[in-house]
Amino acid sequence: MKPCLRINLGRMPYKECLDLQHKVLMARQQNRIPDCLLVVEHDNVFTIGRSGKKDNLLVPQQMLDETQISCISIERGGDITYHGPGQLVIYPIFALETDEEKKSFSAVDFINALEDMMIYVLGEYGITGEKNLRNRGVWVKESKVGFVGIAVKQNVSFHGLALNISPDLKFFKMINPCGMTHVKITSMEKEKDRKINFSDTADIAMTAIENKFELSLETMPVESFKLLLEAECYEHQLQC
């Protein structure tokens, strides 16, 4: 069982979390920390991946300014998506090849495993999730409920997955989600027509990831984790 840190970030603006991801990525690349799971809920934001097109944002910049929603271009794969309150976002900062075993884990295998985890979580609530190999993520019939977009640098993953528990789905109407027109978006609460506890769902997701990747999770408080990163950066004279 590999050690892995779980960091519950709570509600955090996307840009602040992205900066933290980059710090964690650097530390993991240098093998100064174990694998990490950043668990977070974002303020309203649109993000555009490497293959994304700004044309898939369907509202003018003025509307974004008026509603104070950012649109940020980032390094992950995929096109445009939405993050916001009620959506469980998990960023696995994982070494896809361990120094000890030299066991490779391809990016496709990794994405498949993240999709499997979301399908497991849905199943715990009696929701049948499915894959669509032409359109990555997780679907409930013809509606998308789970999203995956990763990047890999020096064999370490970052970015990750988003699972709709109870977000305001109107924001998805402002975009062509994942670059697809007329796609339906759903949520766990919409499928079950009842309230679903965010924290409980995050715990189920952690158990699923722990089992899928054969991890031993340890939860570390946010401030302790930030101090750990700062101490490591100072020790190695890194600009963080």
Protein backbone atom coordinates (compact mmCIF):
# COMPACT_ATOMS: atom_id res chain seq x y z
CA MET A 1 0.00 0.00 0.00
CA LYS A 2 1.52 3.29 -1.12
CA PRO A 3 1.24 6.28 1.25
CA CYS A 4 -0.91 9.15 0.00
CA LEU A 5 -1.88 12.46 1.58
CA ARG A 6 -5.49 13.66 1.46
CA ILE A 7 -5.80 17.44 1.67
CA ASN A 8 -9.32 18.83 2.16
CA LEU A 9 -9.14 22.35 0.75
CA GLY A 10 -12.81 23.20 1.29
CA ARG A 11 -14.04 26.07 -0.91
CA MET A 12 -11.14 27.64 -2.82
CA PRO A 13 -10.93 29.99 -5.83
CA TYR A 14 -9.67 28.17 -8.90
CA LYS A 15 -6.54 30.27 -9.52
CA GLU A 16 -5.39 29.89 -5.91
CA CYS A 17 -5.84 26.13 -6.16
CA LEU A 18 -4.01 26.00 -9.50
CA ASP A 19 -1.02 27.76 -7.94
CA LEU A 20 -1.07 25.22 -5.11
CA GLN A 21 -1.24 22.36 -7.62
CA HIS A 22 1.93 23.61 -9.29
CA LYS A 23 3.77 23.71 -5.97
CA VAL A 24 2.63 20.19 -5.11
CA LEU A 25 3.54 19.00 -8.61
CA MET A 26 7.09 20.29 -8.23
CA ALA A 27 7.50 18.67 -4.83
CA ARG A 28 6.18 15.33 -6.11
CA GLN A 29 8.40 15.42 -9.20
CA GLN A 30 11.39 15.74 -6.88
CA ASN A 31 10.06 12.88 -4.72
CA ARG A 32 9.98 15.11 -1.62
CA ILE A 33 6.39 14.25 -0.80
CA PRO A 34 4.21 11.16 -1.43
CA ASP A 35 1.25 11.08 -3.81
CA CYS A 36 -1.40 13.64 -2.88
CA LEU A 37 -5.14 14.08 -3.37
CA LEU A 38 -6.38 17.66 -3.29
CA VAL A 39 -10.12 17.66 -2.57
CA VAL A 40 -11.85 20.95 -3.30
CA GLU A 41 -15.01 22.85 -4.22
CA HIS A 42 -14.48 25.88 -6.47
CA ASP A 43 -16.16 29.22 -6.92
CA ASN A 44 -17.82 29.63 -10.34
CA VAL A 45 -15.21 29.37 -13.10
CA PHE A 46 -14.82 28.16 -16.68
CA THR A 47 -11.57 26.45 -17.65
CA ILE A 48 -10.31 25.71 -21.15
CA GLY A 49 -7.92 22.81 -21.79
CA ARG A 50 -5.15 22.46 -24.36
CA SER A 51 -7.49 21.45 -27.19
CA GLY A 52 -10.19 23.93 -26.24
CA LYS A 53 -11.68 26.68 -28.36
CA LYS A 54 -12.87 30.01 -27.02
CA ASP A 55 -15.83 29.68 -29.43
CA ASN A 56 -17.25 27.07 -27.05
CA LEU A 57 -17.85 29.84 -24.54
CA LEU A 58 -21.36 30.95 -25.54
CA VAL A 59 -21.68 34.19 -23.57
CA PRO A 60 -19.86 37.50 -24.09
CA GLN A 61 -17.02 38.63 -21.85
CA GLN A 62 -19.24 41.43 -20.54
CA MET A 63 -21.58 38.86 -18.99
CA LEU A 64 -18.63 37.09 -17.34
CA ASP A 65 -17.46 40.41 -15.95
CA GLU A 66 -20.92 41.26 -14.64
CA THR A 67 -21.32 37.86 -12.96
CA GLN A 68 -17.66 37.79 -11.82
CA ILE A 69 -16.94 34.44 -13.49
CA SER A 70 -13.42 33.89 -14.75
CA CYS A 71 -12.48 31.94 -17.89
CA ILE A 72 -8.98 30.48 -17.54
CA SER A 73 -6.83 28.60 -20.05
CA ILE A 74 -4.93 25.72 -18.42
CA GLU A 75 -2.61 22.79 -19.20
CA ARG A 76 -4.98 19.85 -18.89
CA GLY A 77 -6.36 17.92 -21.83
CA GLY A 78 -9.85 18.52 -23.15
CA ASP A 79 -11.94 21.55 -24.01
CA ILE A 80 -14.02 23.90 -21.89
CA THR A 81 -15.79 22.95 -18.67
CA TYR A 82 -17.40 24.55 -15.64
CA HIS A 83 -16.49 24.25 -11.96
CA GLY A 84 -18.57 25.62 -9.13
CA PRO A 85 -20.25 25.05 -5.77
CA GLY A 86 -21.84 21.61 -5.45
CA GLN A 87 -19.24 19.94 -7.66
CA LEU A 88 -16.71 17.57 -6.10
CA VAL A 89 -13.29 18.24 -7.63
CA ILE A 90 -10.31 15.96 -6.96
CA TYR A 91 -6.77 16.60 -8.13
CA PRO A 92 -4.55 13.50 -7.87
CA ILE A 93 -0.89 14.53 -7.88
CA PHE A 94 0.40 11.02 -8.53
CA ALA A 95 3.67 9.58 -9.75
CA LEU A 96 2.62 7.32 -12.62
CA GLU A 97 5.88 5.39 -12.33
CA THR A 98 7.23 4.51 -8.89
CA ASP A 99 10.95 4.61 -8.18
CA GLU A 100 10.72 1.38 -6.23
CA GLU A 101 8.88 -0.80 -8.74
CA LYS A 102 9.31 1.05 -12.06
CA LYS A 103 5.67 0.21 -12.66
CA SER A 104 4.27 2.31 -15.47
CA PHE A 105 0.72 3.64 -15.43
CA SER A 106 -0.23 5.18 -18.77
CA ALA A 107 -2.30 8.35 -18.95
CA VAL A 108 -5.14 6.38 -20.57
CA ASP A 109 -5.04 3.77 -17.78
CA PHE A 110 -5.10 6.60 -15.26
CA ILE A 111 -8.13 8.26 -16.87
CA ASN A 112 -9.92 4.90 -17.00
CA ALA A 113 -9.27 4.39 -13.29
CA LEU A 114 -10.65 7.84 -12.42
CA GLU A 115 -13.77 7.12 -14.46
CA ASP A 116 -14.16 3.76 -12.70
CA MET A 117 -13.95 5.53 -9.36
CA MET A 118 -16.76 7.95 -10.26
CA ILE A 119 -18.91 5.08 -11.53
CA TYR A 120 -18.37 3.36 -8.17
CA VAL A 121 -19.44 6.50 -6.28
CA LEU A 122 -22.60 6.81 -8.37
CA GLY A 123 -23.37 3.15 -7.77
CA GLU A 124 -23.27 3.71 -4.01
CA TYR A 125 -26.26 6.04 -4.50
CA GLY A 126 -28.09 3.71 -6.86
CA ILE A 127 -27.13 5.66 -9.99
CA THR A 128 -25.86 3.72 -13.01
CA GLY A 129 -22.85 5.47 -14.54
CA GLU A 130 -21.30 4.52 -17.86
CA LYS A 131 -18.23 5.31 -19.95
CA ASN A 132 -18.18 6.62 -23.49
CA LEU A 133 -14.76 6.08 -25.04
CA ARG A 134 -15.43 8.75 -27.68
CA ASN A 135 -16.29 11.31 -25.01
CA ARG A 136 -14.28 10.77 -21.84
CA GLY A 137 -15.96 11.17 -18.49
CA VAL A 138 -18.95 9.47 -16.91
CA TRP A 139 -22.50 9.45 -18.22
CA VAL A 140 -25.96 8.60 -16.91
CA LYS A 141 -27.69 7.44 -20.06
CA GLU A 142 -27.24 10.39 -22.45
CA SER A 143 -26.36 12.97 -19.79
CA LYS A 144 -22.86 13.73 -18.54
CA VAL A 145 -22.28 13.81 -14.80
CA GLY A 146 -18.52 13.30 -14.38
CA PHE A 147 -15.57 14.98 -16.09
CA VAL A 148 -11.90 14.03 -16.43
CA GLY A 149 -9.02 16.16 -17.68
CA ILE A 150 -5.41 15.58 -16.68
CA ALA A 151 -1.91 16.68 -17.53
CA VAL A 152 1.32 14.74 -16.96
CA LYS A 153 4.77 16.28 -16.46
CA GLN A 154 7.85 14.21 -15.67
CA ASN A 155 5.60 11.19 -15.05
CA VAL A 156 3.52 13.04 -12.44
CA SER A 157 -0.17 13.74 -12.98
CA PHE A 158 -2.06 16.88 -12.08
CA HIS A 159 -5.50 18.35 -12.71
CA GLY A 160 -8.06 15.53 -12.40
CA LEU A 161 -11.79 14.97 -12.14
CA ALA A 162 -15.04 16.70 -11.31
CA LEU A 163 -18.27 14.99 -10.24
CA ASN A 164 -21.57 16.87 -10.26
CA ILE A 165 -23.25 16.39 -6.90
CA SER A 166 -25.47 19.47 -6.79
CA PRO A 167 -24.08 22.33 -8.94
CA ASP A 168 -26.33 24.92 -10.54
CA LEU A 169 -26.62 23.37 -14.01
CA LYS A 170 -27.54 26.67 -15.65
CA PHE A 171 -23.85 27.51 -15.93
CA PHE A 172 -23.30 24.60 -18.30
CA LYS A 173 -25.72 26.31 -20.70
CA MET A 174 -23.17 29.11 -21.07
CA ILE A 175 -20.72 26.74 -22.79
CA ASN A 176 -20.48 23.77 -25.10
CA PRO A 177 -19.30 21.41 -22.37
CA CYS A 178 -16.15 19.55 -23.43
CA GLY A 179 -16.62 21.12 -26.86
CA MET A 180 -19.87 19.22 -27.51
CA THR A 181 -23.00 21.00 -28.74
CA HIS A 182 -26.44 20.18 -27.37
CA VAL A 183 -25.01 17.82 -24.73
CA LYS A 184 -27.13 17.20 -21.64
CA ILE A 185 -25.57 17.70 -18.22
CA THR A 186 -26.94 16.16 -15.05
CA SER A 187 -26.09 15.87 -11.36
CA MET A 188 -26.44 13.24 -8.66
CA GLU A 189 -29.15 15.25 -6.92
CA LYS A 190 -31.08 15.66 -10.18
CA GLU A 191 -30.93 11.92 -10.82
CA LYS A 192 -32.07 11.00 -7.30
CA ASP A 193 -34.37 14.01 -6.74
CA ARG A 194 -33.08 14.47 -3.20
CA LYS A 195 -30.31 16.16 -1.27
CA ILE A 196 -26.94 14.41 -1.29
CA ASN A 197 -24.31 15.19 1.32
CA PHE A 198 -21.12 16.59 -0.20
CA SER A 199 -18.78 15.45 2.56
CA ASP A 200 -20.15 11.90 2.60
CA THR A 201 -19.74 11.67 -1.18
CA ALA A 202 -16.14 12.90 -0.93
CA ASP A 203 -15.42 10.19 1.66
CA ILE A 204 -16.88 7.50 -0.62
CA ALA A 205 -14.71 8.82 -3.45
CA MET A 206 -11.61 8.66 -1.25
CA THR A 207 -12.33 5.04 -0.33
CA ALA A 208 -12.80 4.19 -4.01
CA ILE A 209 -9.49 5.84 -4.98
CA GLU A 210 -7.71 4.20 -2.04
CA ASN A 211 -8.86 0.76 -3.21
CA LYS A 212 -8.38 1.39 -6.94
CA PHE A 213 -4.78 2.57 -6.59
CA GLU A 214 -3.89 0.47 -3.52
CA LEU A 215 -3.16 3.51 -1.35
CA SER A 216 -2.94 4.16 2.36
CA LEU A 217 -4.55 7.56 2.85
CA GLU A 218 -3.58 9.99 5.58
CA THR A 219 -5.53 13.22 5.97
CA MET A 220 -3.34 16.26 6.61
CA PRO A 221 -4.72 19.67 7.62
CA VAL A 222 -4.37 22.34 4.94
CA GLU A 223 -2.15 24.65 6.97
CA SER A 224 0.17 21.81 7.98
CA PHE A 225 0.43 20.78 4.35
CA LYS A 226 1.27 24.33 3.23
CA LEU A 227 3.93 24.56 5.92
CA LEU A 228 5.38 21.26 4.70
CA LEU A 229 5.60 22.61 1.15
CA GLU A 230 7.16 25.89 2.32
CA ALA A 231 9.71 24.05 4.45
CA GLU A 232 10.65 21.79 1.55
CA CYS A 233 10.95 24.75 -0.80
CA TYR A 234 13.20 26.63 1.63
CA GLU A 235 15.37 23.59 2.22
CA HIS A 236 15.92 23.04 -1.50
CA GLN A 237 16.17 26.80 -2.27
CA LEU A 238 13.25 26.57 -4.70
CA GLN A 239 11.18 29.52 -5.78
CA CYS A 240 7.65 28.48 -4.91
